[in-house]
Amino acid sequence: REIGSIVRSLGCFPTEAELHELLAKVEEEEPTGYIHLEKFLPVMTKVLLDRSCRPIPEDVLLHAFEALDENKCGYLTKEELVKHMTEE
């Protein structure tokens, strides 16, 4: 259930389709909601080495933060970021 979070924490930002493909490669024959590290490591290592999942482009991230910066001050406070991440 958390494979998307794990993959993103490694700096990869796959599409939902790519994430489903990755899951199909590491999942057991009978899906249990869990994956084994022994299956995950070689598949994820190949993804990372092949750079098949591109990171989100910097300009896209900058645009997202600019959209959240309502006061156009060039930064978000911790409180603003927490609000956006938990409420929006």
Protein backbone atom coordinates (compact mmCIF):
# COMPACT_ATOMS: atom_id res chain seq x y z
CA ARG A 1 0.00 0.00 0.00
CA GLU A 2 2.91 2.34 0.61
CA ILE A 3 5.03 1.53 -2.42
CA GLY A 4 4.30 4.93 -3.99
CA SER A 5 5.59 6.72 -0.89
CA ILE A 6 8.67 4.50 -0.77
CA VAL A 7 9.50 5.05 -4.44
CA ARG A 8 8.95 8.81 -4.13
CA SER A 9 11.21 8.95 -1.08
CA LEU A 10 13.95 7.54 -3.33
CA GLY A 11 13.60 10.52 -5.67
CA CYS A 12 11.44 8.84 -8.32
CA PHE A 13 8.08 10.23 -9.29
CA PRO A 14 6.40 7.63 -11.50
CA THR A 15 3.00 8.02 -13.05
CA GLU A 16 0.21 5.88 -11.63
CA ALA A 17 0.60 3.53 -14.61
CA GLU A 18 4.35 3.19 -13.98
CA LEU A 19 3.67 2.57 -10.31
CA HIS A 20 1.21 -0.22 -11.18
CA GLU A 21 3.82 -1.78 -13.50
CA LEU A 22 6.40 -1.67 -10.73
CA LEU A 23 3.95 -3.18 -8.28
CA ALA A 24 3.15 -6.00 -10.72
CA LYS A 25 6.86 -6.86 -10.85
CA VAL A 26 7.33 -7.08 -7.08
CA GLU A 27 3.97 -8.35 -5.89
CA GLU A 28 3.37 -11.99 -4.94
CA GLU A 29 1.25 -14.26 -7.13
CA GLU A 30 -1.60 -13.84 -4.65
CA PRO A 31 -1.57 -10.13 -3.69
CA THR A 32 -1.38 -9.68 0.09
CA GLY A 33 -0.78 -5.93 0.28
CA TYR A 34 2.84 -6.63 1.22
CA ILE A 35 5.98 -7.00 -0.85
CA HIS A 36 9.16 -8.78 0.06
CA LEU A 37 12.39 -6.82 0.20
CA GLU A 38 14.13 -9.57 -1.81
CA LYS A 39 11.81 -8.85 -4.75
CA PHE A 40 11.74 -5.10 -4.31
CA LEU A 41 15.50 -4.42 -4.17
CA PRO A 42 16.52 -5.74 -7.60
CA VAL A 43 13.54 -4.13 -9.34
CA MET A 44 14.04 -0.77 -7.64
CA THR A 45 17.79 -0.90 -8.18
CA LYS A 46 17.19 -1.31 -11.91
CA VAL A 47 14.70 1.59 -11.92
CA LEU A 48 17.21 3.83 -10.16
CA LEU A 49 20.19 2.82 -12.30
CA ASP A 50 18.22 3.14 -15.55
CA ARG A 51 16.80 6.46 -14.35
CA SER A 52 13.47 5.29 -15.73
CA CYS A 53 11.51 7.44 -13.26
CA ARG A 54 12.34 11.07 -13.78
CA PRO A 55 12.20 13.52 -10.89
CA ILE A 56 9.64 16.29 -10.97
CA PRO A 57 11.15 19.20 -12.93
CA GLU A 58 12.30 22.12 -10.81
CA ASP A 59 10.08 24.62 -12.64
CA VAL A 60 6.98 22.52 -11.85
CA LEU A 61 7.87 22.47 -8.13
CA LEU A 62 8.58 26.20 -8.18
CA HIS A 63 5.23 26.88 -9.84
CA ALA A 64 3.47 24.79 -7.18
CA PHE A 65 5.12 26.72 -4.35
CA GLU A 66 4.37 30.03 -6.07
CA ALA A 67 0.70 29.04 -6.23
CA LEU A 68 0.73 28.39 -2.47
CA ASP A 69 2.56 31.65 -1.69
CA GLU A 70 -0.58 33.76 -1.41
CA ASN A 71 1.27 36.85 -0.13
CA LYS A 72 3.92 36.59 -2.88
CA CYS A 73 6.69 36.96 -0.30
CA GLY A 74 8.93 34.24 -1.79
CA TYR A 75 8.57 31.69 0.99
CA LEU A 76 6.06 29.62 2.94
CA THR A 77 6.02 29.55 6.70
CA LYS A 78 5.98 26.22 8.48
CA GLU A 79 2.39 26.87 9.51
CA GLU A 80 1.32 27.61 5.92
CA LEU A 81 3.01 24.47 4.62
CA VAL A 82 1.45 22.32 7.34
CA LYS A 83 -1.97 23.82 6.55
CA HIS A 84 -1.64 23.12 2.83
CA MET A 85 -0.27 19.62 3.32
CA THR A 86 -2.95 18.58 5.81
CA GLU A 87 -6.03 20.51 4.71
CA GLU A 88 -5.81 21.11 0.97
